[in-house]
Amino acid sequence: MLRALPFKKITLNIFLKLLLTKAPLAALAFVLLMSLSCGKRRPPLPPRERVLQHVELHGFQRGNQVVLSWKMPARNAGQNSVLNINRVDVYRLAEPQTSPLELSEEEFASRSVLVATIPVKDSDFALNTMTHRDTLEFAGQPARLRYGIRFVNASGQKAAFSNFYLIEPAARIAAAPTSLSADISQEAILLKWVEPVENVDASAPPNILGYNVYRSISDKQPAKLMNDTPVTKPEYRDEFFEFGKDYYYFVRTVSSGVAGEPVESSESNIINLNPKDIFSPTPPTAITLAATPTTISIFFPANPEMDVAGYRIYRSIDRDLEKSRWELLTPQLLATNTFQDTNVESGKTYFYYVTATDKAGNISEGSEVVSETVP
């Protein structure tokens, strides 16, 4: 017994017979289309990794160098990819100042000079900034310099150029300061240096507007500018420091560049300091006493030093007794500048002196001796 076939299936069979009879090529195309459309869906392919091949180039002059910088892509492509960055090529073109500002990549590529090839490491990516210093040799004639960089893969295939960075370097820029040294006191770190005697192009006198002083707390952290305006003398007092901390200092000369723009020299020698507090506070002054039948009150101004931790008060009934034998009334440092001596007897005269102790444990000399008689 025959089973009844679904209507759709009968209709499809009849349609195929008609196609095969009347139009065999059309039938074959239809069958192929149906087989393709009825197949299983494949998982989507991962997107093709793209690595930025064009970066923004920046720069500035420092002494006899042009310092170039650019930000690397977030990641590198795989070793076998044409987008893998193996190195950075740096190009420079020296041209007259009157040359047209517009220049095509083809013209720049044919006229420029390769001045540096910088290998790239994995640690250079993650949007880190890379730099290159191009040292200049001044020929005495003003010129415009045009720089460009491009990425190159391991096969030597080159990406497009970055933007072009243009600069007109100044020749009469003072040389760097020398012989930077430091003297440490309770109040300040006094920096001193020797002024330059010529410019980077060997001309004289040096073009000096002043000096910029830089400080860092680590040799791995960028230094911060200490002064608001250039220092006009070859010395600087750093009063904002803490004993027991590391500091790194260097100084740059500031000159007047093209169009009066300030240009810094390269760095002086770098000095590393870890100042130790070996400085005793000054003795307390202006000690005053007030007596009652049961107490002698002691008053004195606070010491001027910011690191004073407290005071000690000594007493004796014999002014000529050795100070080392006087009675200590404050075994614990006195944190205030007042004290009441309640262990007194009427009719007796008592002598006192005070010392100050700083946070490093340095002790001042004794104050002047003062005395009071209990009524």
Protein backbone atom coordinates (compact mmCIF):
# COMPACT_ATOMS: atom_id res chain seq x y z
CA MET A 1 0.00 0.00 0.00
CA LEU A 2 1.33 3.33 -1.00
CA ARG A 3 1.66 6.11 1.60
CA ALA A 4 0.38 9.51 0.70
CA LEU A 5 3.24 11.88 0.05
CA PRO A 6 3.13 15.44 1.35
CA PHE A 7 1.89 17.98 -1.15
CA LYS A 8 5.11 20.03 -1.08
CA LYS A 9 7.26 16.98 -1.86
CA ILE A 10 5.03 15.94 -4.83
CA THR A 11 5.10 19.45 -6.16
CA LEU A 12 8.88 19.61 -5.96
CA ASN A 13 9.28 16.23 -7.74
CA ILE A 14 6.95 17.28 -10.56
CA PHE A 15 8.84 20.61 -10.85
CA LEU A 16 12.19 18.79 -11.15
CA LYS A 17 10.83 16.40 -13.86
CA LEU A 18 9.62 19.33 -15.85
CA LEU A 19 12.97 21.10 -15.53
CA LEU A 20 14.92 18.02 -16.56
CA THR A 21 12.65 17.53 -19.58
CA LYS A 22 12.41 21.09 -20.79
CA ALA A 23 15.57 22.78 -19.45
CA PRO A 24 18.23 20.41 -18.18
CA LEU A 25 20.84 23.20 -17.60
CA ALA A 26 18.45 25.25 -15.53
CA ALA A 27 17.62 22.16 -13.50
CA LEU A 28 21.26 21.49 -12.78
CA ALA A 29 21.77 25.09 -11.60
CA PHE A 30 18.74 24.87 -9.37
CA VAL A 31 19.97 21.61 -7.77
CA LEU A 32 23.38 23.13 -7.10
CA LEU A 33 21.81 26.24 -5.57
CA MET A 34 19.63 24.14 -3.31
CA SER A 35 22.60 22.03 -2.17
CA LEU A 36 24.64 25.12 -1.31
CA SER A 37 21.82 26.86 0.53
CA CYS A 38 20.93 23.78 2.53
CA GLY A 39 24.49 23.14 3.79
CA LYS A 40 25.59 23.64 7.38
CA ARG A 41 26.69 27.11 8.46
CA ARG A 42 30.38 27.49 9.11
CA PRO A 43 31.74 29.44 12.12
CA PRO A 44 32.61 33.06 11.24
CA LEU A 45 36.23 33.74 10.37
CA PRO A 46 38.18 35.93 12.81
CA PRO A 47 38.72 39.49 11.59
CA ARG A 48 42.01 40.11 9.90
CA GLU A 49 44.37 41.79 12.34
CA ARG A 50 45.22 45.36 11.39
CA VAL A 51 48.30 47.12 12.75
CA LEU A 52 48.53 50.86 12.39
CA GLN A 53 51.24 51.65 9.85
CA HIS A 54 51.10 55.45 9.95
CA VAL A 55 52.11 57.51 13.00
CA GLU A 56 52.34 61.18 13.93
CA LEU A 57 55.91 62.45 14.17
CA HIS A 58 56.80 65.26 16.61
CA GLY A 59 60.07 66.96 17.52
CA PHE A 60 61.97 69.89 19.02
CA GLN A 61 65.53 71.20 19.19
CA ARG A 62 67.71 70.67 22.25
CA GLY A 63 71.25 71.99 21.98
CA ASN A 64 72.81 70.57 18.83
CA GLN A 65 70.20 67.82 18.49
CA VAL A 66 66.72 67.44 17.06
CA VAL A 67 64.70 65.14 19.33
CA LEU A 68 62.05 63.19 17.40
CA SER A 69 59.23 61.21 19.02
CA TRP A 70 56.25 59.09 17.94
CA LYS A 71 53.76 56.76 19.57
CA MET A 72 53.94 53.09 18.61
CA PRO A 73 50.82 51.00 17.79
CA ALA A 74 49.00 49.12 20.52
CA ARG A 75 50.35 45.78 19.25
CA ASN A 76 52.49 44.24 16.53
CA ALA A 77 51.31 41.80 13.88
CA GLY A 78 52.55 38.22 13.78
CA GLN A 79 56.03 37.38 12.51
CA ASN A 80 54.71 36.04 9.19
CA SER A 81 52.44 39.00 8.50
CA VAL A 82 53.39 41.72 6.03
CA LEU A 83 52.16 44.15 8.71
CA ASN A 84 54.76 42.99 11.21
CA ILE A 85 56.99 45.91 12.22
CA ASN A 86 60.64 44.92 12.40
CA ARG A 87 62.31 48.33 12.47
CA VAL A 88 61.78 52.08 12.12
CA ASP A 89 63.68 54.01 9.44
CA VAL A 90 64.30 57.72 10.07
CA TYR A 91 64.86 60.05 7.11
CA ARG A 92 66.05 63.66 6.95
CA LEU A 93 66.01 66.21 4.14
CA ALA A 94 67.97 69.48 4.39
CA GLU A 95 66.47 72.18 2.19
CA PRO A 96 66.68 75.98 1.81
CA GLN A 97 64.30 77.96 4.00
CA THR A 98 62.66 79.34 0.85
CA SER A 99 61.71 75.89 -0.45
CA PRO A 100 57.98 75.15 -0.87
CA LEU A 101 56.37 73.71 2.23
CA GLU A 102 54.45 71.12 0.22
CA LEU A 103 56.42 68.02 -0.79
CA SER A 104 55.17 64.66 -2.05
CA GLU A 105 56.22 61.35 -0.53
CA GLU A 106 57.90 60.42 -3.81
CA GLU A 107 60.03 63.57 -3.80
CA PHE A 108 60.92 63.15 -0.15
CA ALA A 109 61.87 59.49 -0.69
CA SER A 110 64.16 60.35 -3.61
CA ARG A 111 65.90 63.36 -1.99
CA SER A 112 66.07 62.49 1.72
CA VAL A 113 68.84 60.65 3.56
CA LEU A 114 68.37 57.66 5.84
CA VAL A 115 69.87 58.85 9.13
CA ALA A 116 68.88 56.02 11.50
CA THR A 117 67.55 52.47 11.53
CA ILE A 118 65.98 51.58 14.88
CA PRO A 119 65.19 47.92 15.72
CA VAL A 120 61.78 47.36 17.31
CA LYS A 121 61.11 45.13 20.34
CA ASP A 122 57.82 43.79 21.68
CA SER A 123 58.15 46.13 24.67
CA ASP A 124 58.13 49.15 22.34
CA PHE A 125 54.43 48.66 21.54
CA ALA A 126 51.38 49.17 23.79
CA LEU A 127 51.19 52.84 22.70
CA ASN A 128 54.65 53.56 24.13
CA THR A 129 56.58 56.58 22.86
CA MET A 130 59.84 56.02 21.01
CA THR A 131 62.43 58.75 20.50
CA HIS A 132 65.46 59.40 18.33
CA ARG A 133 68.06 62.16 18.71
CA ASP A 134 69.57 63.45 15.49
CA THR A 135 72.86 65.25 16.18
CA LEU A 136 73.43 68.23 13.90
CA GLU A 137 76.60 69.63 12.36
CA PHE A 138 76.00 73.30 11.63
CA ALA A 139 77.44 74.51 8.32
CA GLY A 140 76.94 78.21 9.00
CA GLN A 141 74.05 78.55 6.55
CA PRO A 142 70.43 78.65 7.76
CA ALA A 143 68.42 75.65 6.59
CA ARG A 144 65.13 73.89 7.08
CA LEU A 145 65.15 70.23 8.08
CA ARG A 146 62.35 67.88 7.12
CA TYR A 147 62.00 64.55 8.90
CA GLY A 148 59.87 61.49 8.21
CA ILE A 149 59.77 57.92 9.50
CA ARG A 150 58.26 54.69 8.23
CA PHE A 151 57.88 51.15 9.46
CA VAL A 152 59.68 48.28 7.75
CA ASN A 153 58.98 44.54 8.05
CA ALA A 154 61.56 41.75 8.21
CA SER A 155 61.46 41.34 4.42
CA GLY A 156 62.37 44.99 3.87
CA GLN A 157 58.92 46.03 2.72
CA LYS A 158 58.29 49.65 3.72
CA ALA A 159 55.07 51.25 4.90
CA ALA A 160 54.03 54.77 3.94
CA PHE A 161 55.80 57.75 5.51
CA SER A 162 54.56 59.45 8.62
CA ASN A 163 53.71 63.12 8.47
CA PHE A 164 56.69 65.38 7.75
CA TYR A 165 58.11 67.25 10.74
CA LEU A 166 59.75 70.55 9.74
CA ILE A 167 62.16 72.58 11.87
CA GLU A 168 64.59 75.46 11.36
CA PRO A 169 67.30 74.71 13.95
CA ALA A 170 69.19 77.60 15.53
CA ALA A 171 73.00 77.40 15.50
CA ARG A 172 73.74 79.88 18.28
CA ILE A 173 72.44 77.78 21.14
CA ALA A 174 74.55 77.79 24.30
CA ALA A 175 76.35 74.65 25.36
CA ALA A 176 75.29 72.74 28.48
CA PRO A 177 76.36 73.76 32.00
CA THR A 178 79.15 71.70 33.56
CA SER A 179 80.41 70.65 36.99
CA LEU A 180 77.03 70.58 38.73
CA SER A 181 77.53 70.15 42.50
CA ALA A 182 75.45 70.45 45.68
CA ASP A 183 75.87 71.67 49.28
CA ILE A 184 73.35 70.34 51.80
CA SER A 185 72.19 72.29 54.84
CA GLN A 186 69.28 72.15 57.24
CA GLU A 187 67.31 74.64 55.15
CA ALA A 188 68.15 73.85 51.52
CA ILE A 189 70.12 71.95 48.89
CA LEU A 190 72.25 74.57 47.18
CA LEU A 191 73.06 73.62 43.57
CA LYS A 192 75.94 75.28 41.73
CA TRP A 193 77.32 74.83 38.22
CA VAL A 194 79.85 76.27 35.77
CA GLU A 195 78.40 78.41 32.98
CA PRO A 196 79.16 77.54 29.32
CA VAL A 197 81.65 79.75 27.47
CA GLU A 198 80.46 79.11 23.90
CA ASN A 199 77.57 77.97 21.74
CA VAL A 200 77.10 74.54 20.20
CA ASP A 201 78.50 75.83 16.88
CA ALA A 202 81.68 76.98 18.70
CA SER A 203 80.74 80.67 18.39
CA ALA A 204 81.08 83.05 21.35
CA PRO A 205 79.89 84.67 23.53
CA PRO A 206 77.28 82.11 24.57
CA ASN A 207 73.63 82.90 23.95
CA ILE A 208 72.29 82.58 27.51
CA LEU A 209 68.83 83.60 28.68
CA GLY A 210 69.13 81.63 31.92
CA TYR A 211 68.99 78.09 33.25
CA ASN A 212 66.33 75.47 33.93
CA VAL A 213 66.78 73.17 36.93
CA TYR A 214 65.26 69.68 36.93
CA ARG A 215 64.70 67.16 39.73
CA SER A 216 63.50 63.56 39.87
CA ILE A 217 63.05 61.09 42.70
CA SER A 218 64.20 58.16 40.56
CA ASP A 219 66.55 57.53 37.66
CA LYS A 220 63.60 55.87 35.88
CA GLN A 221 61.11 58.73 36.25
CA PRO A 222 61.04 61.87 34.11
CA ALA A 223 62.49 64.89 35.89
CA LYS A 224 60.28 67.90 36.71
CA LEU A 225 61.16 71.53 36.14
CA MET A 226 61.85 73.27 39.47
CA ASN A 227 61.81 76.94 38.44
CA ASP A 228 58.94 78.97 36.95
CA THR A 229 61.24 81.25 34.93
CA PRO A 230 64.87 80.70 33.87
CA VAL A 231 67.38 81.16 36.71
CA THR A 232 69.77 84.00 35.90
CA LYS A 233 72.64 82.98 38.21
CA PRO A 234 74.62 79.70 38.16
CA GLU A 235 73.03 78.48 41.40
CA TYR A 236 69.67 77.36 42.76
CA ARG A 237 68.31 76.72 46.27
CA ASP A 238 65.96 73.74 46.59
CA GLU A 239 64.13 74.33 49.86
CA PHE A 240 61.41 71.74 49.19
CA PHE A 241 63.15 68.47 49.98
CA GLU A 242 63.06 65.78 52.65
CA PHE A 243 65.98 64.17 54.39
CA GLY A 244 66.43 60.47 53.65
CA LYS A 245 64.95 60.59 50.14
CA ASP A 246 66.70 60.12 46.78
CA TYR A 247 66.95 63.07 44.41
CA TYR A 248 68.42 63.40 40.93
CA TYR A 249 69.32 66.84 39.59
CA PHE A 250 70.49 68.27 36.27
CA VAL A 251 70.53 71.72 34.66
CA ARG A 252 70.03 72.97 31.09
CA THR A 253 71.02 76.32 29.61
CA VAL A 254 68.19 78.30 27.99
CA SER A 255 68.96 80.25 24.79
CA SER A 256 66.97 82.39 22.39
CA GLY A 257 66.22 80.38 19.24
CA VAL A 258 64.51 81.12 15.94
CA ALA A 259 61.90 83.90 16.31
CA GLY A 260 62.92 84.32 19.94
CA GLU A 261 61.59 80.92 21.02
CA PRO A 262 63.49 79.53 24.05
CA VAL A 263 65.66 76.49 23.29
CA GLU A 264 67.29 74.35 25.97
CA SER A 265 70.75 72.87 25.82
CA SER A 266 71.51 69.25 26.57
CA GLU A 267 71.79 68.22 30.21
CA SER A 268 74.62 68.99 32.59
CA ASN A 269 76.08 66.11 34.54
CA ILE A 270 73.46 64.41 36.71
CA ILE A 271 74.02 64.28 40.48
CA ASN A 272 72.28 61.85 42.82
CA LEU A 273 71.76 62.87 46.45
CA ASN A 274 70.25 61.21 49.51
CA PRO A 275 70.54 64.00 52.06
CA LYS A 276 70.98 62.89 55.67
CA ASP A 277 69.87 65.04 58.56
CA ILE A 278 73.01 65.56 60.62
CA PHE A 279 72.10 69.12 61.56
CA SER A 280 71.16 69.94 65.14
CA PRO A 281 68.34 72.42 65.80
CA THR A 282 69.19 75.83 67.16
CA PRO A 283 68.96 76.16 70.97
CA PRO A 284 65.58 77.37 72.25
CA THR A 285 65.55 81.06 73.10
CA ALA A 286 63.66 83.63 75.19
CA ILE A 287 62.93 81.29 78.12
CA THR A 288 60.64 82.93 80.67
CA LEU A 289 59.54 81.74 84.14
CA ALA A 290 56.55 82.50 86.35
CA ALA A 291 56.46 81.30 90.01
CA THR A 292 53.67 80.61 92.50
CA PRO A 293 54.05 79.06 95.97
CA THR A 294 53.49 75.60 94.42
CA THR A 295 54.73 75.77 90.82
CA ILE A 296 57.19 77.31 88.42
CA SER A 297 55.78 77.69 84.89
CA ILE A 298 58.21 77.66 81.96
CA PHE A 299 57.44 79.32 78.60
CA PHE A 300 59.47 79.59 75.38
CA PRO A 301 58.79 80.13 71.64
CA ALA A 302 58.71 77.17 69.28
CA ASN A 303 61.92 76.55 67.38
CA PRO A 304 62.06 77.80 63.76
CA GLU A 305 63.05 74.38 62.36
CA MET A 306 60.17 72.48 60.78
CA ASP A 307 61.45 69.06 61.84
CA VAL A 308 61.64 69.63 65.63
CA ALA A 309 60.06 66.66 67.39
CA GLY A 310 60.06 68.07 70.93
CA TYR A 311 61.95 69.56 73.85
CA ARG A 312 63.66 68.50 77.07
CA ILE A 313 63.86 70.60 80.23
CA TYR A 314 66.65 70.29 82.79
CA ARG A 315 66.72 71.66 86.39
CA SER A 316 69.24 72.21 89.14
CA ILE A 317 69.47 74.07 92.43
CA ASP A 318 73.17 74.66 91.79
CA ARG A 319 73.94 76.84 88.80
CA ASP A 320 77.58 75.69 88.70
CA LEU A 321 76.79 71.97 88.63
CA GLU A 322 77.97 70.18 85.47
CA LYS A 323 75.15 70.20 82.92
CA SER A 324 75.37 66.44 82.51
CA ARG A 325 74.31 66.08 86.15
CA TRP A 326 71.26 68.33 86.02
CA GLU A 327 67.88 66.69 86.64
CA LEU A 328 65.86 65.85 83.51
CA LEU A 329 62.25 66.88 84.12
CA THR A 330 60.88 65.55 80.80
CA PRO A 331 62.07 61.97 80.11
CA GLN A 332 59.54 61.91 77.25
CA LEU A 333 59.97 64.64 74.65
CA LEU A 334 57.78 67.64 75.46
CA ALA A 335 55.61 68.29 72.44
CA THR A 336 54.52 71.79 73.56
CA ASN A 337 56.50 74.90 74.45
CA THR A 338 55.13 75.25 77.99
CA PHE A 339 55.81 73.25 81.15
CA GLN A 340 54.86 73.39 84.84
CA ASP A 341 57.35 72.25 87.49
CA THR A 342 55.20 71.29 90.50
CA ASN A 343 57.95 69.64 92.53
CA VAL A 344 59.25 72.83 94.11
CA GLU A 345 59.70 74.20 97.65
CA SER A 346 58.95 77.68 98.89
CA GLY A 347 61.99 79.90 99.29
CA LYS A 348 64.26 77.86 97.03
CA THR A 349 65.81 79.08 93.80
CA TYR A 350 65.70 76.78 90.77
CA PHE A 351 67.79 76.96 87.57
CA TYR A 352 66.57 75.67 84.18
CA TYR A 353 67.74 75.19 80.59
CA VAL A 354 65.99 73.68 77.52
CA THR A 355 67.16 71.63 74.50
CA ALA A 356 65.36 70.87 71.23
CA THR A 357 65.41 67.46 69.46
CA ASP A 358 64.55 66.95 65.79
CA LYS A 359 62.95 63.96 64.09
CA ALA A 360 66.35 62.51 63.19
CA GLY A 361 67.41 62.54 66.84
CA ASN A 362 69.77 65.51 66.57
CA ILE A 363 69.89 67.51 69.83
CA SER A 364 70.54 71.22 70.09
CA GLU A 365 72.87 72.93 72.48
CA GLY A 366 71.28 74.00 75.75
CA SER A 367 69.45 77.27 75.94
CA GLU A 368 70.59 80.05 78.23
CA VAL A 369 70.14 79.24 81.94
CA VAL A 370 67.25 80.98 83.65
CA SER A 371 66.24 80.96 87.32
CA GLU A 372 63.32 81.74 89.59
CA THR A 373 62.76 81.72 93.37
CA VAL A 374 59.58 80.13 94.74
CA PRO A 375 57.71 82.64 96.95
